[in-house]
């Protein structure tokens, strides 16, 4: 993630916004599925998402047979006085 943050700041002149790494990996996962399917037609590439084992900025992403993310991590935050504090992480 640190390399991504550095490259993002160099390219854009600002810090990474909170969801940028997730959006980046989501796009890269779709592009990977399209390449493996040799098509940008969702009817053809969606089945390839189930076979995804992608190592990206946010970590490893895999999908189950229903197309849901396997081993997803959820981080909960609380905001007080303009500061964000982590409440906990659910795996």
C-alpha atoms as a PDB file:
ATOM      1  CA  UNK A   1       0.000   0.000   0.000  1.00  0.00           C
ATOM      2  CA  UNK A   2       2.895   2.376   0.733  1.00  0.00           C
ATOM      3  CA  UNK A   3       4.210   2.170  -2.845  1.00  0.00           C
ATOM      4  CA  UNK A   4       0.726   2.888  -4.173  1.00  0.00           C
ATOM      5  CA  UNK A   5       0.409   5.927  -1.884  1.00  0.00           C
ATOM      6  CA  UNK A   6       3.810   7.253  -2.994  1.00  0.00           C
ATOM      7  CA  UNK A   7       3.060   6.810  -6.704  1.00  0.00           C
ATOM      8  CA  UNK A   8      -0.399   8.331  -6.283  1.00  0.00           C
ATOM      9  CA  UNK A   9       1.017  11.432  -4.574  1.00  0.00           C
ATOM     10  CA  UNK A  10       3.767  11.837  -7.181  1.00  0.00           C
ATOM     11  CA  UNK A  11       1.310  11.549 -10.045  1.00  0.00           C
ATOM     12  CA  UNK A  12      -1.575  13.576  -8.586  1.00  0.00           C
ATOM     13  CA  UNK A  13       0.149  15.978  -6.198  1.00  0.00           C
ATOM     14  CA  UNK A  14      -2.102  15.001  -3.304  1.00  0.00           C
ATOM     15  CA  UNK A  15      -2.560  12.295  -0.697  1.00  0.00           C
ATOM     16  CA  UNK A  16      -4.547   9.160  -1.472  1.00  0.00           C
ATOM     17  CA  UNK A  17      -8.250   9.517  -0.784  1.00  0.00           C
ATOM     18  CA  UNK A  18      -9.567   6.721   1.407  1.00  0.00           C
ATOM     19  CA  UNK A  19     -11.201   4.546  -1.277  1.00  0.00           C
ATOM     20  CA  UNK A  20      -8.713   5.053  -4.128  1.00  0.00           C
ATOM     21  CA  UNK A  21      -6.805   1.785  -3.473  1.00  0.00           C
ATOM     22  CA  UNK A  22     -10.073  -0.189  -3.447  1.00  0.00           C
ATOM     23  CA  UNK A  23     -11.262   1.426  -6.680  1.00  0.00           C
ATOM     24  CA  UNK A  24      -7.875   0.774  -8.297  1.00  0.00           C
ATOM     25  CA  UNK A  25      -7.927  -2.918  -7.374  1.00  0.00           C
ATOM     26  CA  UNK A  26     -11.573  -3.277  -8.469  1.00  0.00           C
ATOM     27  CA  UNK A  27     -10.744  -1.921 -11.925  1.00  0.00           C
ATOM     28  CA  UNK A  28      -7.636  -4.086 -12.198  1.00  0.00           C
ATOM     29  CA  UNK A  29      -9.632  -7.199 -11.211  1.00  0.00           C
ATOM     30  CA  UNK A  30     -12.204  -6.468 -13.936  1.00  0.00           C
ATOM     31  CA  UNK A  31      -9.486  -5.830 -16.517  1.00  0.00           C
ATOM     32  CA  UNK A  32      -7.794  -9.098 -15.538  1.00  0.00           C
ATOM     33  CA  UNK A  33     -11.067 -11.028 -15.972  1.00  0.00           C
ATOM     34  CA  UNK A  34     -11.657  -9.358 -19.355  1.00  0.00           C
ATOM     35  CA  UNK A  35      -8.168 -10.293 -20.519  1.00  0.00           C
ATOM     36  CA  UNK A  36      -8.594 -13.905 -19.444  1.00  0.00           C
ATOM     37  CA  UNK A  37     -12.001 -14.052 -21.173  1.00  0.00           C
ATOM     38  CA  UNK A  38     -10.603 -12.216 -24.194  1.00  0.00           C
ATOM     39  CA  UNK A  39     -13.740 -10.082 -24.104  1.00  0.00           C
ATOM     40  CA  UNK A  40     -15.232  -6.966 -22.512  1.00  0.00           C
ATOM     41  CA  UNK A  41     -18.709  -8.509 -22.702  1.00  0.00           C
ATOM     42  CA  UNK A  42     -19.938  -9.098 -19.119  1.00  0.00           C
ATOM     43  CA  UNK A  43     -21.701 -12.286 -20.199  1.00  0.00           C
ATOM     44  CA  UNK A  44     -18.284 -13.653 -21.163  1.00  0.00           C
ATOM     45  CA  UNK A  45     -15.977 -12.279 -18.466  1.00  0.00           C
ATOM     46  CA  UNK A  46     -18.124 -12.570 -15.321  1.00  0.00           C
ATOM     47  CA  UNK A  47     -17.479 -16.299 -14.983  1.00  0.00           C
ATOM     48  CA  UNK A  48     -13.753 -15.512 -14.881  1.00  0.00           C
ATOM     49  CA  UNK A  49     -14.203 -13.397 -11.743  1.00  0.00           C
ATOM     50  CA  UNK A  50     -14.976 -16.561  -9.771  1.00  0.00           C
ATOM     51  CA  UNK A  51     -11.520 -17.841 -10.740  1.00  0.00           C
ATOM     52  CA  UNK A  52      -9.785 -14.637  -9.638  1.00  0.00           C
ATOM     53  CA  UNK A  53      -6.818 -14.760  -7.294  1.00  0.00           C
ATOM     54  CA  UNK A  54      -5.585 -11.177  -7.443  1.00  0.00           C
ATOM     55  CA  UNK A  55      -2.764  -9.730  -5.368  1.00  0.00           C
ATOM     56  CA  UNK A  56      -3.225  -5.971  -5.416  1.00  0.00           C
ATOM     57  CA  UNK A  57      -2.786  -2.796  -3.435  1.00  0.00           C
ATOM     58  CA  UNK A  58      -5.276  -3.771  -0.719  1.00  0.00           C
ATOM     59  CA  UNK A  59      -4.068  -7.356  -0.486  1.00  0.00           C
ATOM     60  CA  UNK A  60      -5.331 -10.596  -1.943  1.00  0.00           C
ATOM     61  CA  UNK A  61      -8.815 -10.779  -3.474  1.00  0.00           C
ATOM     62  CA  UNK A  62     -10.683 -13.991  -4.269  1.00  0.00           C
ATOM     63  CA  UNK A  63     -14.327 -14.758  -4.980  1.00  0.00           C
ATOM     64  CA  UNK A  64     -16.543 -17.692  -4.032  1.00  0.00           C
ATOM     65  CA  UNK A  65     -18.800 -19.624  -6.410  1.00  0.00           C
ATOM     66  CA  UNK A  66     -21.575 -17.026  -5.952  1.00  0.00           C
ATOM     67  CA  UNK A  67     -19.242 -14.175  -6.877  1.00  0.00           C
ATOM     68  CA  UNK A  68     -18.939 -12.800  -3.347  1.00  0.00           C
ATOM     69  CA  UNK A  69     -15.539 -11.735  -2.017  1.00  0.00           C
ATOM     70  CA  UNK A  70     -13.919 -14.459   0.080  1.00  0.00           C
ATOM     71  CA  UNK A  71     -12.264 -13.507   3.356  1.00  0.00           C
ATOM     72  CA  UNK A  72     -13.348  -9.867   3.127  1.00  0.00           C
ATOM     73  CA  UNK A  73     -12.078  -7.486   5.780  1.00  0.00           C
ATOM     74  CA  UNK A  74     -14.283  -4.800   7.265  1.00  0.00           C
ATOM     75  CA  UNK A  75     -12.791  -1.983   9.319  1.00  0.00           C
ATOM     76  CA  UNK A  76     -15.113   0.088  11.493  1.00  0.00           C
ATOM     77  CA  UNK A  77     -14.294   3.682  12.386  1.00  0.00           C
ATOM     78  CA  UNK A  78     -15.704   6.303  14.695  1.00  0.00           C
ATOM     79  CA  UNK A  79     -15.352  10.022  14.071  1.00  0.00           C
ATOM     80  CA  UNK A  80     -15.141  12.553  16.905  1.00  0.00           C
ATOM     81  CA  UNK A  81     -13.803  16.096  16.946  1.00  0.00           C
ATOM     82  CA  UNK A  82     -12.680  15.772  13.333  1.00  0.00           C
ATOM     83  CA  UNK A  83     -10.546  12.718  14.045  1.00  0.00           C
ATOM     84  CA  UNK A  84     -11.011   9.175  12.829  1.00  0.00           C
ATOM     85  CA  UNK A  85     -10.347   6.283  15.191  1.00  0.00           C
ATOM     86  CA  UNK A  86     -10.490   2.595  14.341  1.00  0.00           C
ATOM     87  CA  UNK A  87     -13.086   0.716  16.384  1.00  0.00           C
ATOM     88  CA  UNK A  88     -12.089  -2.696  15.114  1.00  0.00           C
ATOM     89  CA  UNK A  89     -11.407  -4.991  12.200  1.00  0.00           C
ATOM     90  CA  UNK A  90     -13.633  -7.917  11.227  1.00  0.00           C
ATOM     91  CA  UNK A  91     -12.207 -10.652   9.000  1.00  0.00           C
END
